[in-house]
Amino acid sequence: LAEVANPSALFLAGRDLAAPGAAVFAGVEGARPVLVEIQALVAPSTLGTPRRAVVGWEPSRLAMVLAVLEAHGGLKLGQHDVYLNVAGGLRIGEPAADLAAAAALVSSLVGVALPHEAVYFGEIALSGAVRAVGHSGLRLKEAAKLGFAKAFATAGAAKEEEPPLPIGAVASVASLVADIAAAGVAARPGKRGGE
């Protein structure tokens, strides 16, 4: 047996930084922070009942996030197959992964890669609001240690006056969808400032 000094680096090895549908989740396993990539694929379905497949996360949690994205994010996912995977074989049990999963799903649907230097964490409520989760300081420190430059979470995620990473506040699923869609519009070739 050989010791793994940094599990987060192991779980993030081999990431495709330009691919849509991937978000890095800043999680906590026991008392240890772990960063892991959540991958999503949303594709038009040819079946009467679209497929929903999940590896490494709760299927009921995915169903809830999809329902909230439809009801409060304005997305139409009823005619799409949805696949969600936690890279590296880790099994995530905490609700803090909701925001990262939602970001990966929206990214895949609109075909826009998320910022590769960002991490996501936060619980999504049925109202569409994003709620704060515990151990935010641990999550942010681990992300900063691994070279990440920004975190997307609730505005009150950092208790410190000077958090280790700047936080892009996400108040709701609707604002998350709007931000990712706006990034996609800005990244399209042929678009300039006033067009």
N, C-alpha and C. Protein backbone atom coordinates (compact mmCIF):
# COMPACT_ATOMS: atom_id res chain seq x y z
N LEU A 1 0.83 -1.18 0.00
CA LEU A 1 0.00 0.00 0.00
C LEU A 1 0.87 1.25 0.00
N ALA A 2 0.40 2.29 -0.70
CA ALA A 2 1.13 3.55 -0.73
C ALA A 2 0.19 4.67 -0.31
N GLU A 3 0.70 5.56 0.50
CA GLU A 3 -0.12 6.67 0.99
C GLU A 3 -0.42 7.65 -0.14
N VAL A 4 -1.66 8.15 -0.17
CA VAL A 4 -2.03 9.21 -1.10
C VAL A 4 -2.03 10.51 -0.30
N ALA A 5 -1.03 11.33 -0.55
CA ALA A 5 -0.86 12.55 0.25
C ALA A 5 -1.96 13.56 -0.02
N ASN A 6 -2.41 13.63 -1.28
CA ASN A 6 -3.42 14.63 -1.63
C ASN A 6 -4.51 14.00 -2.49
N PRO A 7 -5.60 13.51 -1.86
CA PRO A 7 -6.66 12.85 -2.62
C PRO A 7 -7.32 13.77 -3.65
N SER A 8 -7.42 15.05 -3.35
CA SER A 8 -8.06 15.99 -4.27
C SER A 8 -7.33 16.03 -5.61
N ALA A 9 -5.99 16.07 -5.55
CA ALA A 9 -5.20 16.09 -6.79
C ALA A 9 -5.42 14.81 -7.58
N LEU A 10 -5.58 13.69 -6.87
CA LEU A 10 -5.84 12.41 -7.53
C LEU A 10 -7.18 12.43 -8.27
N PHE A 11 -8.22 12.95 -7.59
CA PHE A 11 -9.56 12.98 -8.19
C PHE A 11 -9.66 13.99 -9.34
N LEU A 12 -8.79 14.99 -9.35
CA LEU A 12 -8.86 16.02 -10.40
C LEU A 12 -7.88 15.77 -11.54
N ALA A 13 -7.09 14.71 -11.45
CA ALA A 13 -6.11 14.42 -12.50
C ALA A 13 -6.81 14.12 -13.82
N GLY A 14 -6.25 14.63 -14.90
CA GLY A 14 -6.77 14.33 -16.23
C GLY A 14 -8.03 15.10 -16.62
N ARG A 15 -8.30 16.22 -15.97
CA ARG A 15 -9.48 17.02 -16.32
C ARG A 15 -9.35 17.62 -17.71
N ASP A 16 -10.45 17.66 -18.45
CA ASP A 16 -10.51 18.36 -19.72
C ASP A 16 -11.07 19.75 -19.43
N LEU A 17 -10.20 20.75 -19.42
CA LEU A 17 -10.58 22.08 -18.96
C LEU A 17 -11.54 22.80 -19.89
N ALA A 18 -11.58 22.39 -21.16
CA ALA A 18 -12.42 23.10 -22.13
C ALA A 18 -13.76 22.42 -22.39
N ALA A 19 -14.02 21.30 -21.71
CA ALA A 19 -15.24 20.55 -21.98
C ALA A 19 -16.42 21.09 -21.19
N PRO A 20 -17.56 21.32 -21.85
CA PRO A 20 -18.77 21.68 -21.10
C PRO A 20 -19.24 20.51 -20.26
N GLY A 21 -19.99 20.81 -19.21
CA GLY A 21 -20.60 19.75 -18.41
C GLY A 21 -19.74 19.24 -17.28
N ALA A 22 -18.72 19.99 -16.86
CA ALA A 22 -17.87 19.55 -15.76
C ALA A 22 -17.71 20.69 -14.76
N ALA A 23 -17.96 20.39 -13.48
CA ALA A 23 -17.80 21.37 -12.42
C ALA A 23 -17.02 20.73 -11.28
N VAL A 24 -16.16 21.49 -10.64
CA VAL A 24 -15.38 20.98 -9.51
C VAL A 24 -16.15 21.28 -8.22
N PHE A 25 -16.43 20.23 -7.49
CA PHE A 25 -17.15 20.35 -6.22
C PHE A 25 -16.17 20.34 -5.06
N ALA A 26 -16.27 21.34 -4.18
CA ALA A 26 -15.45 21.38 -2.98
C ALA A 26 -16.25 20.69 -1.86
N GLY A 27 -15.92 19.45 -1.61
CA GLY A 27 -16.68 18.66 -0.66
C GLY A 27 -15.90 18.40 0.62
N VAL A 28 -16.57 17.75 1.56
CA VAL A 28 -15.94 17.34 2.82
C VAL A 28 -16.34 15.90 3.08
N GLU A 29 -15.34 15.04 3.21
CA GLU A 29 -15.58 13.64 3.55
C GLU A 29 -15.09 13.42 4.97
N GLY A 30 -16.00 13.23 5.91
CA GLY A 30 -15.62 13.16 7.32
C GLY A 30 -15.18 14.53 7.78
N ALA A 31 -13.90 14.65 8.12
CA ALA A 31 -13.36 15.95 8.52
C ALA A 31 -12.36 16.47 7.50
N ARG A 32 -12.26 15.78 6.36
CA ARG A 32 -11.24 16.15 5.38
C ARG A 32 -11.88 16.74 4.13
N PRO A 33 -11.38 17.91 3.68
CA PRO A 33 -11.91 18.48 2.44
C PRO A 33 -11.39 17.72 1.23
N VAL A 34 -12.26 17.50 0.25
CA VAL A 34 -11.90 16.78 -0.97
C VAL A 34 -12.52 17.50 -2.15
N LEU A 35 -11.71 17.78 -3.14
CA LEU A 35 -12.22 18.37 -4.38
C LEU A 35 -12.39 17.26 -5.41
N VAL A 36 -13.53 17.26 -6.08
CA VAL A 36 -13.82 16.21 -7.05
C VAL A 36 -14.60 16.81 -8.22
N GLU A 37 -14.41 16.24 -9.40
CA GLU A 37 -15.11 16.74 -10.58
C GLU A 37 -16.45 16.03 -10.75
N ILE A 38 -17.49 16.82 -10.95
CA ILE A 38 -18.80 16.28 -11.27
C ILE A 38 -19.04 16.51 -12.75
N GLN A 39 -19.31 15.44 -13.48
CA GLN A 39 -19.49 15.50 -14.93
C GLN A 39 -20.96 15.26 -15.27
N ALA A 40 -21.46 16.03 -16.22
CA ALA A 40 -22.86 15.87 -16.65
C ALA A 40 -22.91 15.85 -18.17
N LEU A 41 -23.85 15.07 -18.67
CA LEU A 41 -24.15 15.05 -20.10
C LEU A 41 -25.66 15.16 -20.26
N VAL A 42 -26.09 16.22 -20.94
CA VAL A 42 -27.51 16.42 -21.22
C VAL A 42 -27.66 16.41 -22.73
N ALA A 43 -28.42 15.45 -23.25
CA ALA A 43 -28.54 15.29 -24.69
C ALA A 43 -30.00 15.04 -25.07
N PRO A 44 -30.44 15.53 -26.24
CA PRO A 44 -31.82 15.28 -26.67
C PRO A 44 -32.11 13.78 -26.69
N SER A 45 -33.30 13.42 -26.23
CA SER A 45 -33.67 12.01 -26.14
C SER A 45 -34.48 11.59 -27.36
N THR A 46 -34.26 10.36 -27.78
CA THR A 46 -35.07 9.78 -28.86
C THR A 46 -36.13 8.86 -28.29
N LEU A 47 -36.14 8.72 -26.96
CA LEU A 47 -37.09 7.81 -26.31
C LEU A 47 -38.31 8.57 -25.81
N GLY A 48 -39.38 7.86 -25.59
CA GLY A 48 -40.58 8.48 -25.04
C GLY A 48 -40.35 8.94 -23.60
N THR A 49 -39.61 8.14 -22.86
CA THR A 49 -39.24 8.50 -21.49
C THR A 49 -37.73 8.69 -21.45
N PRO A 50 -37.26 9.92 -21.23
CA PRO A 50 -35.81 10.16 -21.23
C PRO A 50 -35.11 9.39 -20.11
N ARG A 51 -33.86 9.04 -20.37
CA ARG A 51 -33.06 8.31 -19.39
C ARG A 51 -32.47 9.25 -18.34
N ARG A 52 -32.35 8.74 -17.13
CA ARG A 52 -31.68 9.45 -16.04
C ARG A 52 -30.72 8.45 -15.42
N ALA A 53 -29.42 8.68 -15.56
CA ALA A 53 -28.42 7.75 -15.02
C ALA A 53 -27.44 8.52 -14.14
N VAL A 54 -27.16 7.96 -12.96
CA VAL A 54 -26.28 8.62 -11.99
C VAL A 54 -25.26 7.63 -11.46
N VAL A 55 -24.00 8.07 -11.38
CA VAL A 55 -22.95 7.27 -10.75
C VAL A 55 -22.27 8.13 -9.70
N GLY A 56 -22.32 7.69 -8.43
CA GLY A 56 -21.62 8.39 -7.36
C GLY A 56 -22.43 9.45 -6.64
N TRP A 57 -23.71 9.55 -6.93
CA TRP A 57 -24.57 10.54 -6.27
C TRP A 57 -25.96 9.95 -6.13
N GLU A 58 -26.80 10.54 -5.31
CA GLU A 58 -28.15 10.03 -5.08
C GLU A 58 -29.06 10.33 -6.27
N PRO A 59 -29.70 9.32 -6.87
CA PRO A 59 -30.63 9.56 -7.98
C PRO A 59 -31.79 10.48 -7.58
N SER A 60 -32.25 10.37 -6.33
CA SER A 60 -33.36 11.24 -5.89
C SER A 60 -32.91 12.69 -5.82
N ARG A 61 -31.65 12.91 -5.48
CA ARG A 61 -31.10 14.27 -5.42
C ARG A 61 -31.03 14.86 -6.84
N LEU A 62 -30.61 14.03 -7.81
CA LEU A 62 -30.58 14.50 -9.20
C LEU A 62 -31.98 14.86 -9.67
N ALA A 63 -32.96 14.03 -9.36
CA ALA A 63 -34.34 14.30 -9.77
C ALA A 63 -34.82 15.63 -9.20
N MET A 64 -34.46 15.91 -7.94
CA MET A 64 -34.86 17.17 -7.31
C MET A 64 -34.19 18.37 -7.99
N VAL A 65 -32.89 18.26 -8.25
CA VAL A 65 -32.16 19.37 -8.89
C VAL A 65 -32.73 19.63 -10.29
N LEU A 66 -33.03 18.57 -11.03
CA LEU A 66 -33.63 18.75 -12.36
C LEU A 66 -34.99 19.44 -12.27
N ALA A 67 -35.80 19.06 -11.29
CA ALA A 67 -37.11 19.69 -11.12
C ALA A 67 -36.98 21.17 -10.78
N VAL A 68 -36.01 21.51 -9.92
CA VAL A 68 -35.79 22.91 -9.54
C VAL A 68 -35.27 23.71 -10.74
N LEU A 69 -34.39 23.11 -11.54
CA LEU A 69 -33.88 23.79 -12.74
C LEU A 69 -35.02 24.09 -13.72
N GLU A 70 -35.96 23.17 -13.82
CA GLU A 70 -37.12 23.40 -14.70
C GLU A 70 -38.05 24.46 -14.14
N ALA A 71 -38.39 24.34 -12.86
CA ALA A 71 -39.38 25.22 -12.24
C ALA A 71 -38.86 26.63 -12.00
N HIS A 72 -37.59 26.75 -11.59
CA HIS A 72 -37.07 28.06 -11.20
C HIS A 72 -35.95 28.58 -12.09
N GLY A 73 -35.39 27.70 -12.92
CA GLY A 73 -34.30 28.12 -13.81
C GLY A 73 -34.74 28.35 -15.23
N GLY A 74 -35.99 27.97 -15.54
CA GLY A 74 -36.51 28.17 -16.89
C GLY A 74 -35.97 27.21 -17.93
N LEU A 75 -35.35 26.11 -17.51
CA LEU A 75 -34.80 25.14 -18.46
C LEU A 75 -35.83 24.07 -18.79
N LYS A 76 -35.79 23.58 -20.01
CA LYS A 76 -36.69 22.50 -20.44
C LYS A 76 -35.86 21.23 -20.59
N LEU A 77 -35.96 20.36 -19.60
CA LEU A 77 -35.15 19.15 -19.59
C LEU A 77 -35.97 17.88 -19.79
N GLY A 78 -37.27 18.02 -19.98
CA GLY A 78 -38.15 16.87 -20.09
C GLY A 78 -37.92 16.00 -21.31
N GLN A 79 -37.30 16.53 -22.34
CA GLN A 79 -37.04 15.76 -23.56
C GLN A 79 -35.56 15.47 -23.73
N HIS A 80 -34.83 15.47 -22.62
CA HIS A 80 -33.39 15.23 -22.66
C HIS A 80 -33.00 14.05 -21.78
N ASP A 81 -32.06 13.24 -22.28
CA ASP A 81 -31.42 12.23 -21.44
C ASP A 81 -30.41 12.96 -20.56
N VAL A 82 -30.30 12.53 -19.30
CA VAL A 82 -29.38 13.17 -18.36
C VAL A 82 -28.50 12.09 -17.73
N TYR A 83 -27.19 12.31 -17.83
CA TYR A 83 -26.22 11.42 -17.21
C TYR A 83 -25.35 12.25 -16.27
N LEU A 84 -25.13 11.77 -15.06
CA LEU A 84 -24.31 12.48 -14.09
C LEU A 84 -23.31 11.49 -13.49
N ASN A 85 -22.05 11.92 -13.39
CA ASN A 85 -20.99 11.05 -12.91
C ASN A 85 -20.07 11.82 -11.98
N VAL A 86 -19.70 11.19 -10.87
CA VAL A 86 -18.67 11.74 -9.99
C VAL A 86 -17.36 11.07 -10.40
N ALA A 87 -16.42 11.85 -10.92
CA ALA A 87 -15.17 11.30 -11.45
C ALA A 87 -14.34 10.67 -10.34
N GLY A 88 -13.66 9.60 -10.69
CA GLY A 88 -12.75 8.95 -9.74
C GLY A 88 -13.38 7.90 -8.86
N GLY A 89 -14.69 7.67 -9.01
CA GLY A 89 -15.35 6.61 -8.25
C GLY A 89 -15.76 7.00 -6.84
N LEU A 90 -15.60 8.26 -6.46
CA LEU A 90 -16.03 8.69 -5.12
C LEU A 90 -17.55 8.73 -5.06
N ARG A 91 -18.09 8.42 -3.90
CA ARG A 91 -19.54 8.52 -3.70
C ARG A 91 -19.82 9.72 -2.81
N ILE A 92 -20.63 10.66 -3.29
CA ILE A 92 -20.93 11.88 -2.56
C ILE A 92 -22.29 11.74 -1.90
N GLY A 93 -22.34 12.05 -0.61
CA GLY A 93 -23.60 11.95 0.12
C GLY A 93 -24.12 13.27 0.64
N GLU A 94 -23.33 14.33 0.55
CA GLU A 94 -23.77 15.59 1.16
C GLU A 94 -24.54 16.48 0.19
N PRO A 95 -25.54 17.22 0.71
CA PRO A 95 -26.35 18.10 -0.15
C PRO A 95 -25.57 19.28 -0.72
N ALA A 96 -24.37 19.54 -0.19
CA ALA A 96 -23.55 20.65 -0.67
C ALA A 96 -23.17 20.49 -2.14
N ALA A 97 -23.30 19.28 -2.68
CA ALA A 97 -22.94 19.03 -4.08
C ALA A 97 -24.02 19.52 -5.05
N ASP A 98 -25.17 19.94 -4.54
CA ASP A 98 -26.28 20.37 -5.41
C ASP A 98 -25.85 21.43 -6.41
N LEU A 99 -25.14 22.47 -5.93
CA LEU A 99 -24.79 23.59 -6.79
C LEU A 99 -23.82 23.17 -7.89
N ALA A 100 -22.84 22.33 -7.55
CA ALA A 100 -21.89 21.85 -8.56
C ALA A 100 -22.60 20.99 -9.60
N ALA A 101 -23.52 20.13 -9.16
CA ALA A 101 -24.27 19.30 -10.10
C ALA A 101 -25.13 20.16 -11.01
N ALA A 102 -25.80 21.15 -10.45
CA ALA A 102 -26.64 22.05 -11.25
C ALA A 102 -25.79 22.80 -12.27
N ALA A 103 -24.62 23.30 -11.85
CA ALA A 103 -23.74 24.03 -12.76
C ALA A 103 -23.28 23.13 -13.91
N ALA A 104 -22.93 21.88 -13.59
CA ALA A 104 -22.50 20.94 -14.63
C ALA A 104 -23.63 20.64 -15.60
N LEU A 105 -24.85 20.47 -15.08
CA LEU A 105 -26.00 20.19 -15.94
C LEU A 105 -26.31 21.36 -16.88
N VAL A 106 -26.31 22.57 -16.34
CA VAL A 106 -26.59 23.76 -17.16
C VAL A 106 -25.49 23.93 -18.20
N SER A 107 -24.24 23.74 -17.78
CA SER A 107 -23.10 23.87 -18.69
C SER A 107 -23.22 22.90 -19.87
N SER A 108 -23.61 21.66 -19.59
CA SER A 108 -23.76 20.67 -20.66
C SER A 108 -24.92 21.03 -21.58
N LEU A 109 -26.03 21.46 -21.00
CA LEU A 109 -27.21 21.79 -21.81
C LEU A 109 -26.95 22.94 -22.77
N VAL A 110 -26.28 23.99 -22.29
CA VAL A 110 -26.04 25.17 -23.15
C VAL A 110 -24.73 25.08 -23.91
N GLY A 111 -23.91 24.06 -23.62
CA GLY A 111 -22.67 23.87 -24.36
C GLY A 111 -21.58 24.87 -24.02
N VAL A 112 -21.53 25.29 -22.77
CA VAL A 112 -20.54 26.28 -22.33
C VAL A 112 -19.68 25.69 -21.22
N ALA A 113 -18.36 25.73 -21.39
CA ALA A 113 -17.46 25.24 -20.33
C ALA A 113 -17.47 26.22 -19.16
N LEU A 114 -17.48 25.67 -17.96
CA LEU A 114 -17.42 26.50 -16.76
C LEU A 114 -15.98 26.95 -16.53
N PRO A 115 -15.77 28.03 -15.76
CA PRO A 115 -14.40 28.47 -15.48
C PRO A 115 -13.60 27.34 -14.83
N HIS A 116 -12.47 26.98 -15.42
CA HIS A 116 -11.72 25.82 -14.91
C HIS A 116 -11.02 26.09 -13.59
N GLU A 117 -10.91 27.38 -13.21
CA GLU A 117 -10.23 27.71 -11.96
C GLU A 117 -11.21 27.93 -10.81
N ALA A 118 -12.47 27.49 -10.99
CA ALA A 118 -13.51 27.74 -9.99
C ALA A 118 -14.02 26.44 -9.37
N VAL A 119 -14.44 26.55 -8.09
CA VAL A 119 -15.10 25.44 -7.41
C VAL A 119 -16.52 25.87 -7.04
N TYR A 120 -17.39 24.89 -6.82
CA TYR A 120 -18.80 25.15 -6.52
C TYR A 120 -19.21 24.35 -5.29
N PHE A 121 -20.00 24.97 -4.42
CA PHE A 121 -20.64 24.22 -3.34
C PHE A 121 -21.83 25.02 -2.79
N GLY A 122 -22.87 24.32 -2.43
CA GLY A 122 -24.08 24.93 -1.88
C GLY A 122 -25.25 23.98 -2.04
N GLU A 123 -26.18 24.08 -1.11
CA GLU A 123 -27.38 23.23 -1.17
C GLU A 123 -28.49 24.00 -1.88
N ILE A 124 -29.21 23.33 -2.75
CA ILE A 124 -30.32 23.96 -3.47
C ILE A 124 -31.63 23.60 -2.78
N ALA A 125 -32.40 24.63 -2.46
CA ALA A 125 -33.71 24.42 -1.84
C ALA A 125 -34.77 24.24 -2.91
N LEU A 126 -35.92 23.71 -2.54
CA LEU A 126 -37.01 23.51 -3.51
C LEU A 126 -37.53 24.84 -4.06
N SER A 127 -37.28 25.92 -3.34
CA SER A 127 -37.70 27.25 -3.80
C SER A 127 -36.78 27.79 -4.88
N GLY A 128 -35.65 27.12 -5.11
CA GLY A 128 -34.66 27.60 -6.08
C GLY A 128 -33.54 28.39 -5.44
N ALA A 129 -33.66 28.66 -4.14
CA ALA A 129 -32.60 29.40 -3.44
C ALA A 129 -31.40 28.49 -3.18
N VAL A 130 -30.22 29.10 -3.08
CA VAL A 130 -29.01 28.36 -2.73
C VAL A 130 -28.70 28.64 -1.27
N ARG A 131 -28.58 27.57 -0.49
CA ARG A 131 -28.37 27.70 0.94
C ARG A 131 -26.92 27.42 1.31
N ALA A 132 -26.46 28.06 2.37
CA ALA A 132 -25.10 27.86 2.86
C ALA A 132 -24.95 26.45 3.45
N VAL A 133 -23.73 25.95 3.42
CA VAL A 133 -23.42 24.62 3.97
C VAL A 133 -22.28 24.75 4.98
N GLY A 134 -22.08 23.72 5.77
CA GLY A 134 -21.04 23.74 6.79
C GLY A 134 -19.64 23.58 6.22
N HIS A 135 -18.65 23.88 7.04
CA HIS A 135 -17.23 23.70 6.72
C HIS A 135 -16.78 24.51 5.50
N SER A 136 -17.37 25.68 5.30
CA SER A 136 -17.00 26.50 4.13
C SER A 136 -15.53 26.87 4.15
N GLY A 137 -15.02 27.20 5.33
CA GLY A 137 -13.61 27.58 5.44
C GLY A 137 -12.68 26.47 4.98
N LEU A 138 -12.97 25.24 5.40
CA LEU A 138 -12.18 24.08 4.98
C LEU A 138 -12.20 23.91 3.46
N ARG A 139 -13.38 24.04 2.89
CA ARG A 139 -13.55 23.88 1.44
C ARG A 139 -12.73 24.93 0.69
N LEU A 140 -12.82 26.18 1.13
CA LEU A 140 -12.13 27.27 0.46
C LEU A 140 -10.61 27.13 0.59
N LYS A 141 -10.14 26.71 1.76
CA LYS A 141 -8.68 26.56 1.96
C LYS A 141 -8.12 25.46 1.06
N GLU A 142 -8.86 24.35 0.96
CA GLU A 142 -8.40 23.25 0.10
C GLU A 142 -8.35 23.69 -1.36
N ALA A 143 -9.37 24.43 -1.79
CA ALA A 143 -9.39 24.91 -3.18
C ALA A 143 -8.24 25.87 -3.44
N ALA A 144 -7.98 26.78 -2.50
CA ALA A 144 -6.87 27.73 -2.66
C ALA A 144 -5.53 26.99 -2.71
N LYS A 145 -5.39 25.96 -1.87
CA LYS A 145 -4.15 25.18 -1.82
C LYS A 145 -3.86 24.50 -3.16
N LEU A 146 -4.93 24.10 -3.86
CA LEU A 146 -4.75 23.41 -5.14
C LEU A 146 -4.73 24.36 -6.33
N GLY A 147 -4.69 25.67 -6.06
CA GLY A 147 -4.52 26.63 -7.15
C GLY A 147 -5.79 27.17 -7.77
N PHE A 148 -6.95 26.90 -7.18
CA PHE A 148 -8.19 27.46 -7.70
C PHE A 148 -8.27 28.94 -7.34
N ALA A 149 -8.92 29.72 -8.18
CA ALA A 149 -8.91 31.17 -8.02
C ALA A 149 -10.25 31.75 -7.57
N LYS A 150 -11.33 30.95 -7.62
CA LYS A 150 -12.64 31.49 -7.28
C LYS A 150 -13.55 30.37 -6.79
N ALA A 151 -14.51 30.76 -5.95
CA ALA A 151 -15.52 29.80 -5.48
C ALA A 151 -16.90 30.38 -5.75
N PHE A 152 -17.81 29.53 -6.17
CA PHE A 152 -19.20 29.93 -6.34
C PHE A 152 -20.00 29.26 -5.23
N ALA A 153 -20.61 30.09 -4.39
CA ALA A 153 -21.37 29.60 -3.22
C ALA A 153 -22.31 30.72 -2.80
N THR A 154 -22.92 30.57 -1.64
CA THR A 154 -23.78 31.65 -1.14
C THR A 154 -22.92 32.81 -0.66
N ALA A 155 -23.52 33.98 -0.58
CA ALA A 155 -22.77 35.18 -0.20
C ALA A 155 -22.15 35.05 1.19
N GLY A 156 -22.81 34.37 2.11
CA GLY A 156 -22.31 34.25 3.47
C GLY A 156 -21.46 33.01 3.70
N ALA A 157 -20.90 32.43 2.64
CA ALA A 157 -20.16 31.18 2.79
C ALA A 157 -18.90 31.33 3.63
N ALA A 158 -18.21 32.46 3.51
CA ALA A 158 -16.95 32.64 4.24
C ALA A 158 -17.21 33.44 5.50
N LYS A 159 -16.79 32.88 6.63
CA LYS A 159 -16.96 33.58 7.90
C LYS A 159 -15.85 34.62 8.10
N GLU A 160 -14.69 34.38 7.47
CA GLU A 160 -13.56 35.30 7.63
C GLU A 160 -13.79 36.57 6.82
N GLU A 161 -13.19 37.65 7.28
CA GLU A 161 -13.26 38.90 6.52
C GLU A 161 -12.50 38.77 5.22
N GLU A 162 -11.37 38.05 5.26
CA GLU A 162 -10.56 37.83 4.06
C GLU A 162 -10.56 36.34 3.74
N PRO A 163 -11.55 35.86 2.98
CA PRO A 163 -11.56 34.43 2.66
C PRO A 163 -10.38 34.06 1.76
N PRO A 164 -9.95 32.79 1.77
CA PRO A 164 -8.80 32.37 0.96
C PRO A 164 -9.04 32.55 -0.54
N LEU A 165 -10.30 32.56 -0.96
CA LEU A 165 -10.65 32.73 -2.37
C LEU A 165 -11.77 33.76 -2.48
N PRO A 166 -11.80 34.54 -3.57
CA PRO A 166 -12.98 35.38 -3.78
C PRO A 166 -14.20 34.51 -4.05
N ILE A 167 -15.35 34.95 -3.55
CA ILE A 167 -16.57 34.17 -3.70
C ILE A 167 -17.51 34.87 -4.67
N GLY A 168 -17.90 34.15 -5.72
CA GLY A 168 -18.95 34.63 -6.62
C GLY A 168 -20.27 34.20 -6.02
N ALA A 169 -20.99 35.14 -5.45
CA ALA A 169 -22.22 34.80 -4.74
C ALA A 169 -23.29 34.30 -5.69
N VAL A 170 -23.88 33.15 -5.36
CA VAL A 170 -24.99 32.58 -6.12
C VAL A 170 -26.17 32.50 -5.17
N ALA A 171 -27.17 33.35 -5.41
CA ALA A 171 -28.32 33.40 -4.51
C ALA A 171 -29.40 32.40 -4.88
N SER A 172 -29.48 32.07 -6.18
CA SER A 172 -30.56 31.20 -6.63
C SER A 172 -30.16 30.44 -7.89
N VAL A 173 -30.95 29.42 -8.19
CA VAL A 173 -30.74 28.65 -9.41
C VAL A 173 -30.92 29.53 -10.64
N ALA A 174 -31.87 30.46 -10.58
CA ALA A 174 -32.11 31.36 -11.71
C ALA A 174 -30.87 32.20 -12.01
N SER A 175 -30.19 32.70 -10.97
CA SER A 175 -28.99 33.51 -11.21
C SER A 175 -27.84 32.64 -11.74
N LEU A 176 -27.76 31.38 -11.29
CA LEU A 176 -26.74 30.46 -11.80
C LEU A 176 -26.94 30.23 -13.30
N VAL A 177 -28.17 29.94 -13.70
CA VAL A 177 -28.48 29.71 -15.11
C VAL A 177 -28.17 30.95 -15.94
N ALA A 178 -28.57 32.12 -15.43
CA ALA A 178 -28.33 33.37 -16.15
C ALA A 178 -26.84 33.65 -16.32
N ASP A 179 -26.05 33.40 -15.29
CA ASP A 179 -24.60 33.65 -15.36
C ASP A 179 -23.92 32.74 -16.38
N ILE A 180 -24.29 31.46 -16.37
CA ILE A 180 -23.67 30.51 -17.30
C ILE A 180 -24.09 30.83 -18.74
N ALA A 181 -25.37 31.16 -18.94
CA ALA A 181 -25.84 31.52 -20.28
C ALA A 181 -25.16 32.79 -20.77
N ALA A 182 -24.98 33.78 -19.89
CA ALA A 182 -24.32 35.03 -20.26
C ALA A 182 -22.87 34.78 -20.65
N ALA A 183 -22.19 33.88 -19.93
CA ALA A 183 -20.80 33.54 -20.26
C ALA A 183 -20.74 32.89 -21.64
N GLY A 184 -21.75 32.08 -21.97
CA GLY A 184 -21.79 31.46 -23.30
C GLY A 184 -21.98 32.46 -24.41
N VAL A 185 -22.84 33.44 -24.18
CA VAL A 185 -23.06 34.49 -25.19
C VAL A 185 -21.80 35.30 -25.39
N ALA A 186 -21.12 35.63 -24.28
CA ALA A 186 -19.89 36.44 -24.36
C ALA A 186 -18.77 35.69 -25.06
N ALA A 187 -18.77 34.36 -24.95
CA ALA A 187 -17.69 33.57 -25.54
C ALA A 187 -17.88 33.25 -27.01
N ARG A 188 -19.08 33.51 -27.55
CA ARG A 188 -19.33 33.17 -28.95
C ARG A 188 -18.51 34.05 -29.88
N PRO A 189 -17.88 33.47 -30.90
CA PRO A 189 -17.10 34.28 -31.83
C PRO A 189 -18.00 35.22 -32.62
N GLY A 190 -17.44 36.35 -33.01
CA GLY A 190 -18.21 37.31 -33.81
C GLY A 190 -18.98 38.30 -32.98
N LYS A 191 -18.98 38.11 -31.65
CA LYS A 191 -19.68 39.06 -30.77
C LYS A 191 -18.68 40.04 -30.23
N ARG A 192 -19.00 41.29 -30.35
CA ARG A 192 -18.14 42.32 -29.77
C ARG A 192 -18.97 43.16 -28.84
N GLY A 193 -18.29 43.96 -28.04
CA GLY A 193 -18.91 44.79 -27.01
C GLY A 193 -20.34 45.21 -27.24
N GLY A 194 -20.65 46.00 -28.30
CA GLY A 194 -21.96 46.57 -28.46
C GLY A 194 -22.91 45.77 -29.29
N GLU A 195 -22.50 44.61 -29.78
CA GLU A 195 -23.39 43.84 -30.67
C GLU A 195 -24.38 43.02 -29.90
